[in-house]
Amino acid sequence: MAKVKTVYFCSSCGAQAPQWAGQCGDCGEWNTLSESAAVLPSKHRAATTRYASEAANQIHHLDTVVADDVKRITTGVAEFDRVLGGGVVPGSVTLIGGDPGIGKSTLLLQAMVQLSNDFETLYVTGEESLQQVSLRAQRLGYSDAKVPLLASTQIETILQQAQKLKPQIIVIDSIQTMFTDELGSAPGSVSQVRECAAQLVRFAKQTQTSIFLVGHVTKEGTLAGPRVLEHMVDTVLYFEGDGGQRFRLIRAVKNRFGAVNELGVFAMTDKGLREVANPSAIFLSRHEQPVPGSVVMVTLEGSRPLLVEVQALVDDSQLVNPRRVTVGFEHNRLAMLLAVLHRHGDIVTGDQDVFANVVGGVRVTETGADLAVLLAVMSSLRNKTLARDMIVFGEVGLAGEIRPVPNGQDRLLEAYKHGYKRALIPAANAPKKAPEGMEVIAVQRISEALENC
């Protein structure tokens, strides 16, 4: 038997070190090095190439490789297909992360039931028993579904069964519970997660099997295990939102076969996750009367424009350092926008507490929300309501200019579809012909925007 050498792996970036240290030399994280085996026995190294074919080991010139259009597999869940880029790509590996109980297993079970009607599938559960999976299926109304189940955590057993069944789609729930006997470390360790994921990725590429991996998240909200896990897979999806809320958001943070930051919206019901066809409707509060501090903006999530409500509350501060609190919006960007408002709008908020919130639990990451946040702050500070039929979008520069944002025409059409008649937008986004019945106000500076609100 080969002698096993002990080394240390970083749980954050997966870097290897010969001895323990308090700080990882590659990523700089503290207290992330854990002990593991360094080399694999020759038996395992031979097993990792068992799926290789002669064609895979040949050298090909780029101009001779035929790039055919990939025929995607639709899951039967439209919002899930949207996040994946139009469906499941054969041979792809997708990693889905999220808080416990947010609906990862529920969504995958719903998709597998739909796929099992036309394709060979395999659902591997490492955290739950077969009875628990069956009970979930009964709650969802799928008691008669013909989905093959396998309760196992050993990666060699799973791949052996997959070779016999030859499924086209496999679900691994979850990757942190998988282990290989060739490593002595516990399941969930850096080396086990990396090695099990590597074997699954290799199997997927060489057999054209689509694999879904369920991943745990840490208390900071990032995927547990080595960072290299996200580099190995083709697509990374995150569940957003609070598990106690009804609505669930799925965002694609990496996708080799589609758009990044694509968003899927679901509602959790007693029959599982239900698609939300018109998500703009759930992100807008229906006030009976106009209220100060509320502005509707059009944000772009992947290829989908969404109407969301931005709220702000400005109040006299009783603290030496006034508070700047944001929910669904970057904290540092709010501080920067308030400085721009002071410098180029002569509006002082240094003695005020400023709170900014994006309604509905959605997280806005694009700069197109800048103008809406500033106008919401002004509305609350002056206790002045804005027009209910007006939407706003635009980026604010440090020089006080209003900069354009991508897909301005699509945003205007989305707002027009929902009945909005006025739009305050950057001058560079002004259309040649506005939608019929919509007044477009194009501004270039902060001062112009404040005059028109």
Protein backbone atom coordinates (compact mmCIF):
# COMPACT_ATOMS: atom_id res chain seq x y z
CA MET A 1 0.00 0.00 0.00
CA ALA A 2 1.29 3.45 -0.90
CA LYS A 3 2.32 5.58 2.03
CA VAL A 4 -0.18 8.34 2.70
CA LYS A 5 1.42 11.73 3.17
CA THR A 6 -0.33 14.34 5.27
CA VAL A 7 -0.82 17.81 3.83
CA TYR A 8 -3.13 20.74 4.56
CA PHE A 9 -5.82 22.16 2.26
CA CYS A 10 -7.47 25.58 2.45
CA SER A 11 -11.24 25.27 2.78
CA SER A 12 -11.70 28.64 1.05
CA CYS A 13 -9.59 28.36 -2.11
CA GLY A 14 -8.41 24.71 -2.06
CA ALA A 15 -4.70 25.61 -2.00
CA GLN A 16 -2.30 22.95 -0.65
CA ALA A 17 0.31 23.58 2.06
CA PRO A 18 2.94 21.16 3.48
CA GLN A 19 2.29 22.25 7.07
CA TRP A 20 -0.35 24.02 9.10
CA ALA A 21 -0.39 27.81 9.27
CA GLY A 22 -2.83 30.30 10.66
CA GLN A 23 -3.26 32.08 7.33
CA CYS A 24 -3.56 30.66 3.83
CA GLY A 25 -0.70 31.89 1.68
CA ASP A 26 -2.82 31.97 -1.50
CA CYS A 27 -6.11 33.63 -0.55
CA GLY A 28 -5.14 35.23 2.77
CA GLU A 29 -8.03 33.72 4.77
CA TRP A 30 -7.38 32.85 8.41
CA ASN A 31 -7.90 29.46 10.11
CA THR A 32 -8.96 27.68 6.91
CA LEU A 33 -6.23 25.02 6.61
CA SER A 34 -7.35 21.47 7.42
CA GLU A 35 -5.42 18.20 7.42
CA SER A 36 -5.92 15.71 4.61
CA ALA A 37 -4.21 13.02 2.52
CA ALA A 38 -1.83 14.29 -0.15
CA VAL A 39 -1.64 11.54 -2.78
CA LEU A 40 -4.10 8.98 -4.03
CA PRO A 41 -3.26 5.27 -4.31
CA SER A 42 -2.46 4.05 -7.78
CA LYS A 43 -5.71 2.03 -7.80
CA HIS A 44 -7.73 5.22 -7.60
CA ARG A 45 -5.68 7.01 -10.22
CA ALA A 46 -6.36 4.18 -12.62
CA ALA A 47 -10.07 4.26 -11.79
CA THR A 48 -10.39 7.95 -12.65
CA THR A 49 -9.70 7.23 -16.31
CA ARG A 50 -12.13 4.34 -16.71
CA TYR A 51 -14.64 6.51 -18.56
CA ALA A 52 -12.07 7.98 -20.98
CA SER A 53 -12.43 7.19 -24.67
CA GLU A 54 -9.86 7.20 -27.44
CA ALA A 55 -11.45 10.26 -29.04
CA ALA A 56 -11.12 12.20 -25.81
CA ASN A 57 -7.35 11.64 -25.79
CA GLN A 58 -6.74 12.85 -29.35
CA ILE A 59 -5.50 16.31 -30.36
CA HIS A 60 -7.90 18.30 -32.55
CA HIS A 61 -7.41 21.59 -34.36
CA LEU A 62 -9.88 24.32 -33.53
CA ASP A 63 -10.96 24.81 -37.15
CA THR A 64 -11.88 21.13 -37.44
CA VAL A 65 -14.17 21.06 -34.39
CA VAL A 66 -17.81 21.34 -35.41
CA ALA A 67 -19.68 23.70 -33.09
CA ASP A 68 -23.24 22.46 -33.53
CA ASP A 69 -26.10 24.14 -31.75
CA VAL A 70 -26.66 22.40 -28.45
CA LYS A 71 -30.05 20.74 -28.17
CA ARG A 72 -31.24 21.61 -24.70
CA ILE A 73 -33.51 19.50 -22.52
CA THR A 74 -36.46 21.44 -21.11
CA THR A 75 -37.26 20.60 -17.50
CA GLY A 76 -40.96 21.48 -17.70
CA VAL A 77 -40.40 24.33 -15.20
CA ALA A 78 -40.19 27.50 -17.31
CA GLU A 79 -38.53 29.71 -14.69
CA PHE A 80 -35.92 27.02 -14.02
CA ASP A 81 -35.24 26.72 -17.75
CA ARG A 82 -34.82 30.51 -17.96
CA VAL A 83 -32.12 30.53 -15.27
CA LEU A 84 -30.33 27.61 -16.95
CA GLY A 85 -30.23 29.56 -20.20
CA GLY A 86 -33.08 27.79 -21.98
CA GLY A 87 -32.86 24.26 -20.59
CA VAL A 88 -30.41 21.59 -19.51
CA VAL A 89 -27.35 21.08 -21.71
CA PRO A 90 -26.31 17.40 -22.12
CA GLY A 91 -23.04 16.75 -20.31
CA SER A 92 -23.32 19.85 -18.12
CA VAL A 93 -22.83 20.00 -14.35
CA THR A 94 -24.99 22.46 -12.39
CA LEU A 95 -24.41 23.41 -8.75
CA ILE A 96 -27.41 24.72 -6.77
CA GLY A 97 -26.84 26.38 -3.40
CA GLY A 98 -29.13 27.97 -0.84
CA ASP A 99 -30.16 28.12 2.80
CA PRO A 100 -31.61 25.00 4.45
CA GLY A 101 -35.32 24.55 3.71
CA ILE A 102 -35.46 27.15 0.94
CA GLY A 103 -36.57 24.63 -1.71
CA LYS A 104 -33.52 23.15 -3.46
CA SER A 105 -34.61 19.52 -3.14
CA THR A 106 -38.24 20.42 -3.86
CA LEU A 107 -37.38 22.17 -7.12
CA LEU A 108 -35.11 19.37 -8.32
CA LEU A 109 -37.68 16.71 -7.45
CA GLN A 110 -40.34 18.60 -9.42
CA ALA A 111 -38.00 18.89 -12.40
CA MET A 112 -37.00 15.21 -12.21
CA VAL A 113 -40.64 14.11 -12.20
CA GLN A 114 -41.26 16.14 -15.37
CA LEU A 115 -38.07 14.86 -17.03
CA SER A 116 -38.73 11.21 -16.14
CA ASN A 117 -41.63 11.16 -18.61
CA ASP A 118 -39.25 11.39 -21.58
CA PHE A 119 -35.75 10.71 -20.25
CA GLU A 120 -33.94 8.23 -18.04
CA THR A 121 -33.25 9.86 -14.68
CA LEU A 122 -31.59 9.02 -11.35
CA TYR A 123 -32.15 10.81 -8.04
CA VAL A 124 -29.35 10.16 -5.53
CA THR A 125 -30.08 11.16 -1.94
CA GLY A 126 -27.29 11.29 0.60
CA GLU A 127 -29.02 13.32 3.30
CA GLU A 128 -32.49 11.78 3.36
CA SER A 129 -33.82 8.26 3.33
CA LEU A 130 -35.90 6.88 0.47
CA GLN A 131 -38.99 7.15 2.67
CA GLN A 132 -38.40 10.88 3.23
CA VAL A 133 -38.07 11.49 -0.49
CA SER A 134 -41.26 9.50 -1.07
CA LEU A 135 -43.13 11.56 1.55
CA ARG A 136 -42.04 14.77 -0.14
CA ALA A 137 -43.24 13.42 -3.48
CA GLN A 138 -46.65 12.59 -1.96
CA ARG A 139 -46.95 16.14 -0.55
CA LEU A 140 -46.21 17.53 -3.98
CA GLY A 141 -48.76 15.23 -5.63
CA TYR A 142 -46.22 12.97 -7.35
CA SER A 143 -46.92 9.71 -5.53
CA ASP A 144 -47.13 7.81 -8.83
CA ALA A 145 -43.94 9.26 -10.35
CA LYS A 146 -41.51 6.72 -11.87
CA VAL A 147 -38.25 8.35 -10.74
CA PRO A 148 -35.39 5.90 -9.91
CA LEU A 149 -34.02 6.59 -6.41
CA LEU A 150 -30.66 5.65 -4.89
CA ALA A 151 -29.74 6.24 -1.23
CA SER A 152 -25.95 6.23 -1.18
CA THR A 153 -23.04 8.48 -0.27
CA GLN A 154 -20.18 6.47 -1.80
CA ILE A 155 -19.17 7.97 -5.12
CA GLU A 156 -17.90 4.68 -6.57
CA THR A 157 -21.26 2.98 -5.89
CA ILE A 158 -23.16 5.86 -7.47
CA LEU A 159 -21.05 5.85 -10.63
CA GLN A 160 -21.30 2.06 -10.87
CA GLN A 161 -25.10 2.22 -10.71
CA ALA A 162 -25.11 5.07 -13.21
CA GLN A 163 -23.11 2.97 -15.65
CA LYS A 164 -25.73 0.22 -15.43
CA LEU A 165 -28.80 2.47 -15.64
CA LYS A 166 -27.28 4.97 -18.13
CA PRO A 167 -29.43 7.92 -17.03
CA GLN A 168 -29.45 11.19 -18.96
CA ILE A 169 -30.03 13.35 -15.87
CA ILE A 170 -28.67 12.72 -12.35
CA VAL A 171 -29.33 14.66 -9.14
CA ILE A 172 -26.79 14.42 -6.28
CA ASP A 173 -28.30 15.64 -3.01
CA SER A 174 -25.88 16.78 -1.72
CA ILE A 175 -22.23 16.94 -2.79
CA GLN A 176 -21.06 17.57 0.81
CA THR A 177 -22.32 14.14 1.89
CA MET A 178 -20.43 12.22 -0.81
CA PHE A 179 -17.15 10.43 -0.12
CA THR A 180 -14.67 8.10 -1.78
CA ASP A 181 -13.01 5.22 0.04
CA GLU A 182 -9.67 6.12 -1.48
CA LEU A 183 -9.39 9.13 0.83
CA GLY A 184 -9.27 8.86 4.58
CA SER A 185 -10.82 12.24 5.37
CA ALA A 186 -14.43 12.67 6.49
CA PRO A 187 -17.27 13.50 4.07
CA GLY A 188 -17.59 17.24 3.55
CA SER A 189 -13.87 17.91 3.89
CA VAL A 190 -12.04 19.88 1.23
CA SER A 191 -10.33 16.88 -0.33
CA GLN A 192 -13.50 14.73 -0.36
CA VAL A 193 -15.69 17.43 -1.92
CA ARG A 194 -13.09 18.25 -4.54
CA GLU A 195 -12.36 14.63 -5.49
CA CYS A 196 -16.03 13.56 -5.59
CA ALA A 197 -16.94 16.57 -7.69
CA ALA A 198 -14.03 15.88 -10.03
CA GLN A 199 -15.19 12.31 -10.62
CA LEU A 200 -18.77 13.45 -11.27
CA VAL A 201 -17.64 16.17 -13.69
CA ARG A 202 -15.44 13.68 -15.54
CA PHE A 203 -18.32 11.20 -15.75
CA ALA A 204 -20.68 13.90 -17.05
CA LYS A 205 -18.33 15.08 -19.80
CA GLN A 206 -17.40 11.63 -21.04
CA THR A 207 -20.91 10.13 -20.99
CA GLN A 208 -22.91 13.31 -21.88
CA THR A 209 -24.91 12.95 -18.66
CA SER A 210 -26.38 16.11 -17.13
CA ILE A 211 -25.74 16.28 -13.38
CA PHE A 212 -27.28 18.56 -10.75
CA LEU A 213 -25.32 18.98 -7.50
CA VAL A 214 -26.98 20.35 -4.38
CA GLY A 215 -24.53 22.38 -2.29
CA HIS A 216 -24.61 23.53 1.32
CA VAL A 217 -23.98 27.16 2.19
CA THR A 218 -22.06 28.68 5.09
CA LYS A 219 -23.46 31.19 7.56
CA GLU A 220 -22.06 33.96 5.32
CA GLY A 221 -24.24 32.66 2.46
CA THR A 222 -21.43 31.28 0.27
CA LEU A 223 -21.18 27.69 -0.92
CA ALA A 224 -19.47 25.42 1.57
CA GLY A 225 -16.33 23.58 0.54
CA PRO A 226 -13.39 24.69 -1.60
CA ARG A 227 -13.83 27.59 -3.97
CA VAL A 228 -12.51 25.38 -6.75
CA LEU A 229 -15.88 23.56 -6.67
CA GLU A 230 -17.54 26.53 -8.39
CA HIS A 231 -14.78 26.60 -11.03
CA MET A 232 -15.22 22.91 -11.85
CA VAL A 233 -18.93 23.05 -12.65
CA ASP A 234 -20.57 24.69 -15.67
CA THR A 235 -23.41 26.52 -13.93
CA VAL A 236 -23.82 27.90 -10.40
CA LEU A 237 -27.29 28.82 -9.16
CA TYR A 238 -28.11 30.50 -5.85
CA PHE A 239 -31.44 30.56 -4.04
CA GLU A 240 -32.08 34.05 -2.67
CA GLY A 241 -34.61 35.28 -0.18
CA ASP A 242 -35.68 34.31 3.30
CA GLY A 243 -36.94 30.78 3.86
CA GLY A 244 -39.83 32.25 5.86
CA GLN A 245 -41.09 34.29 2.92
CA ARG A 246 -43.39 32.97 0.25
CA PHE A 247 -41.35 33.99 -2.78
CA ARG A 248 -38.08 32.38 -3.82
CA LEU A 249 -35.55 33.84 -6.25
CA ILE A 250 -32.97 31.79 -8.15
CA ARG A 251 -30.04 33.67 -9.65
CA ALA A 252 -27.42 32.32 -12.05
CA VAL A 253 -24.01 33.61 -10.91
CA LYS A 254 -22.12 31.48 -13.43
CA ASN A 255 -23.33 29.91 -16.66
CA ARG A 256 -21.14 28.65 -19.48
CA PHE A 257 -24.22 28.09 -21.64
CA GLY A 258 -26.32 31.18 -20.96
CA ALA A 259 -26.61 34.65 -19.48
CA VAL A 260 -25.19 35.40 -16.05
CA ASN A 261 -27.41 37.07 -13.40
CA GLU A 262 -30.55 35.59 -14.98
CA LEU A 263 -33.32 35.49 -12.40
CA GLY A 264 -36.11 32.97 -11.83
CA VAL A 265 -39.04 33.76 -9.52
CA PHE A 266 -41.07 31.14 -7.66
CA ALA A 267 -43.76 31.09 -5.01
CA MET A 268 -43.68 28.36 -2.36
CA THR A 269 -47.04 26.62 -1.98
CA ASP A 270 -48.28 23.41 -0.34
CA LYS A 271 -47.80 21.75 -3.75
CA GLY A 272 -44.20 22.85 -4.15
CA LEU A 273 -42.64 25.74 -6.02
CA ARG A 274 -44.99 27.50 -8.43
CA GLU A 275 -43.69 29.73 -11.21
CA VAL A 276 -44.44 33.45 -11.09
CA ALA A 277 -45.23 34.55 -14.64
CA ASN A 278 -45.35 38.29 -13.88
CA PRO A 279 -42.74 38.97 -11.17
CA SER A 280 -43.01 42.75 -11.50
CA ALA A 281 -46.45 42.56 -9.87
CA ILE A 282 -45.12 41.03 -6.65
CA PHE A 283 -42.31 43.57 -6.22
CA LEU A 284 -44.61 46.60 -6.32
CA SER A 285 -46.50 47.80 -3.26
CA ARG A 286 -50.03 48.91 -3.98
CA HIS A 287 -50.42 52.11 -1.94
CA GLU A 288 -53.93 53.49 -1.84
CA GLN A 289 -52.46 57.00 -1.76
CA PRO A 290 -49.06 58.30 -2.94
CA VAL A 291 -46.51 58.24 -0.11
CA PRO A 292 -43.22 60.13 0.25
CA GLY A 293 -39.99 58.18 -0.19
CA SER A 294 -41.34 55.66 -2.74
CA VAL A 295 -40.03 55.41 -6.32
CA VAL A 296 -40.62 52.69 -8.93
CA MET A 297 -37.61 51.75 -11.06
CA VAL A 298 -36.97 49.27 -13.86
CA THR A 299 -34.02 46.99 -13.18
CA LEU A 300 -32.52 44.45 -15.53
CA GLU A 301 -31.97 40.92 -14.23
CA GLY A 302 -30.15 39.00 -16.94
CA SER A 303 -32.38 39.44 -19.99
CA ARG A 304 -35.53 40.27 -18.01
CA PRO A 305 -36.61 43.83 -17.08
CA LEU A 306 -38.36 43.99 -13.70
CA LEU A 307 -40.30 46.75 -12.02
CA VAL A 308 -39.33 47.10 -8.36
CA GLU A 309 -40.16 49.67 -5.73
CA VAL A 310 -37.34 51.52 -3.99
CA GLN A 311 -38.20 53.08 -0.65
CA ALA A 312 -36.22 55.55 1.44
CA LEU A 313 -36.71 56.99 4.91
CA VAL A 314 -34.81 60.09 6.05
CA ASP A 315 -35.13 61.12 9.68
CA ASP A 316 -33.31 63.35 12.16
CA SER A 317 -30.46 61.43 13.73
CA GLN A 318 -29.89 61.25 17.48
CA LEU A 319 -26.41 59.78 17.01
CA VAL A 320 -23.02 61.37 16.50
CA ASN A 321 -22.57 59.29 13.35
CA PRO A 322 -25.89 59.11 11.47
CA ARG A 323 -26.87 55.66 10.24
CA ARG A 324 -26.85 54.50 6.64
CA VAL A 325 -28.86 51.27 6.36
CA THR A 326 -29.63 49.43 3.12
CA VAL A 327 -31.66 46.31 2.33
CA GLY A 328 -31.29 44.90 -1.17
CA PHE A 329 -28.87 47.66 -2.17
CA GLU A 330 -25.13 48.13 -1.70
CA HIS A 331 -24.33 50.02 1.50
CA ASN A 332 -21.22 51.82 0.22
CA ARG A 333 -23.04 52.99 -2.89
CA LEU A 334 -25.69 54.72 -0.78
CA ALA A 335 -22.97 56.67 1.05
CA MET A 336 -21.44 57.67 -2.30
CA LEU A 337 -24.80 58.81 -3.69
CA LEU A 338 -25.47 60.96 -0.64
CA ALA A 339 -22.09 62.62 -1.14
CA VAL A 340 -22.96 63.33 -4.80
CA LEU A 341 -26.32 64.73 -3.70
CA HIS A 342 -24.55 67.09 -1.29
CA ARG A 343 -21.85 68.19 -3.73
CA HIS A 344 -23.95 68.64 -6.87
CA GLY A 345 -27.44 69.14 -5.46
CA ASP A 346 -26.69 71.25 -2.34
CA ILE A 347 -28.76 68.82 -0.27
CA VAL A 348 -27.29 68.10 3.18
CA THR A 349 -28.03 64.74 4.82
CA GLY A 350 -25.05 64.64 7.19
CA ASP A 351 -27.30 65.04 10.24
CA GLN A 352 -29.96 62.58 9.03
CA ASP A 353 -30.41 58.82 9.34
CA VAL A 354 -30.97 57.39 5.85
CA PHE A 355 -32.61 54.01 5.28
CA ALA A 356 -33.01 52.49 1.80
CA ASN A 357 -35.00 49.36 0.99
CA VAL A 358 -35.87 47.42 -2.16
CA VAL A 359 -39.37 46.00 -1.70
CA GLY A 360 -40.06 42.29 -2.10
CA GLY A 361 -36.70 40.88 -1.02
CA VAL A 362 -35.08 41.37 -4.42
CA ARG A 363 -31.40 42.37 -4.46
CA VAL A 364 -30.48 45.09 -6.97
CA THR A 365 -26.82 44.91 -8.00
CA GLU A 366 -26.77 47.13 -11.08
CA THR A 367 -25.98 50.85 -11.12
CA GLY A 368 -29.27 51.66 -12.84
CA ALA A 369 -30.87 52.04 -9.39
CA ASP A 370 -28.78 55.11 -8.49
CA LEU A 371 -31.21 57.74 -9.72
CA ALA A 372 -34.20 55.99 -8.14
CA VAL A 373 -32.47 55.84 -4.74
CA LEU A 374 -31.57 59.54 -4.85
CA LEU A 375 -35.10 60.57 -5.79
CA ALA A 376 -36.54 58.38 -3.04
CA VAL A 377 -34.21 60.05 -0.53
CA MET A 378 -35.25 63.50 -1.77
CA SER A 379 -38.93 62.58 -1.62
CA SER A 380 -38.63 61.46 1.99
CA LEU A 381 -36.45 64.41 3.03
CA ARG A 382 -38.87 66.97 1.58
CA ASN A 383 -41.95 64.91 2.52
CA LYS A 384 -43.08 65.28 -1.08
CA THR A 385 -44.73 62.49 -3.05
CA LEU A 386 -43.76 61.65 -6.60
CA ALA A 387 -46.18 60.91 -9.42
CA ARG A 388 -47.62 57.39 -9.13
CA ASP A 389 -47.38 56.79 -12.87
CA MET A 390 -43.64 57.65 -13.13
CA ILE A 391 -40.74 55.23 -13.37
CA VAL A 392 -37.06 56.08 -12.97
CA PHE A 393 -33.74 54.52 -13.91
CA GLY A 394 -30.22 55.76 -14.52
CA GLU A 395 -26.66 55.66 -13.18
CA VAL A 396 -25.28 58.64 -11.25
CA GLY A 397 -21.65 59.60 -11.74
CA LEU A 398 -19.40 61.30 -9.23
CA ALA A 399 -19.39 64.46 -11.35
CA GLY A 400 -23.17 64.70 -11.00
CA GLU A 401 -23.94 63.43 -14.50
CA ILE A 402 -26.71 60.94 -15.28
CA ARG A 403 -25.16 58.08 -17.22
CA PRO A 404 -27.01 55.64 -19.51
CA VAL A 405 -27.80 52.03 -18.63
CA PRO A 406 -28.12 48.99 -20.91
CA ASN A 407 -31.40 48.04 -22.62
CA GLY A 408 -33.15 51.34 -22.04
CA GLN A 409 -35.82 50.63 -24.67
CA ASP A 410 -36.72 47.27 -23.09
CA ARG A 411 -37.13 48.96 -19.71
CA LEU A 412 -39.47 51.57 -21.15
CA LEU A 413 -41.61 48.94 -22.86
CA GLU A 414 -41.87 46.95 -19.60
CA ALA A 415 -43.02 50.06 -17.73
CA TYR A 416 -45.48 50.95 -20.48
CA LYS A 417 -46.92 47.44 -20.36
CA HIS A 418 -47.71 47.95 -16.66
CA GLY A 419 -49.48 51.26 -17.24
CA TYR A 420 -46.78 53.83 -16.39
CA LYS A 421 -47.14 57.08 -18.36
CA ARG A 422 -43.99 59.01 -17.37
CA ALA A 423 -40.31 58.05 -17.36
CA LEU A 424 -37.36 59.97 -15.93
CA ILE A 425 -34.31 58.51 -17.67
CA PRO A 426 -30.77 59.44 -18.81
CA ALA A 427 -30.59 61.59 -21.93
CA ALA A 428 -28.45 58.95 -23.67
CA ASN A 429 -31.27 56.41 -23.18
CA ALA A 430 -33.94 58.64 -24.72
CA PRO A 431 -35.65 56.71 -27.53
CA LYS A 432 -36.17 58.13 -31.00
CA LYS A 433 -39.84 57.33 -30.62
CA ALA A 434 -41.35 56.89 -27.18
CA PRO A 435 -44.18 54.41 -26.59
CA GLU A 436 -47.54 55.95 -27.46
CA GLY A 437 -48.96 57.83 -24.50
CA MET A 438 -45.75 57.82 -22.46
CA GLU A 439 -43.93 61.05 -21.58
CA VAL A 440 -40.16 60.57 -21.51
CA ILE A 441 -38.15 63.11 -19.49
CA ALA A 442 -34.46 62.90 -20.44
CA VAL A 443 -31.97 64.44 -17.99
CA GLN A 444 -28.22 64.88 -18.06
CA ARG A 445 -27.43 66.23 -14.58
CA ILE A 446 -28.57 65.73 -11.00
CA SER A 447 -29.96 69.26 -10.91
CA GLU A 448 -32.25 68.52 -13.86
CA ALA A 449 -33.54 65.35 -12.22
CA LEU A 450 -34.33 67.21 -8.97
CA GLU A 451 -36.24 69.88 -10.88
CA ASN A 452 -38.46 67.32 -12.60
CA CYS A 453 -39.33 65.21 -9.55
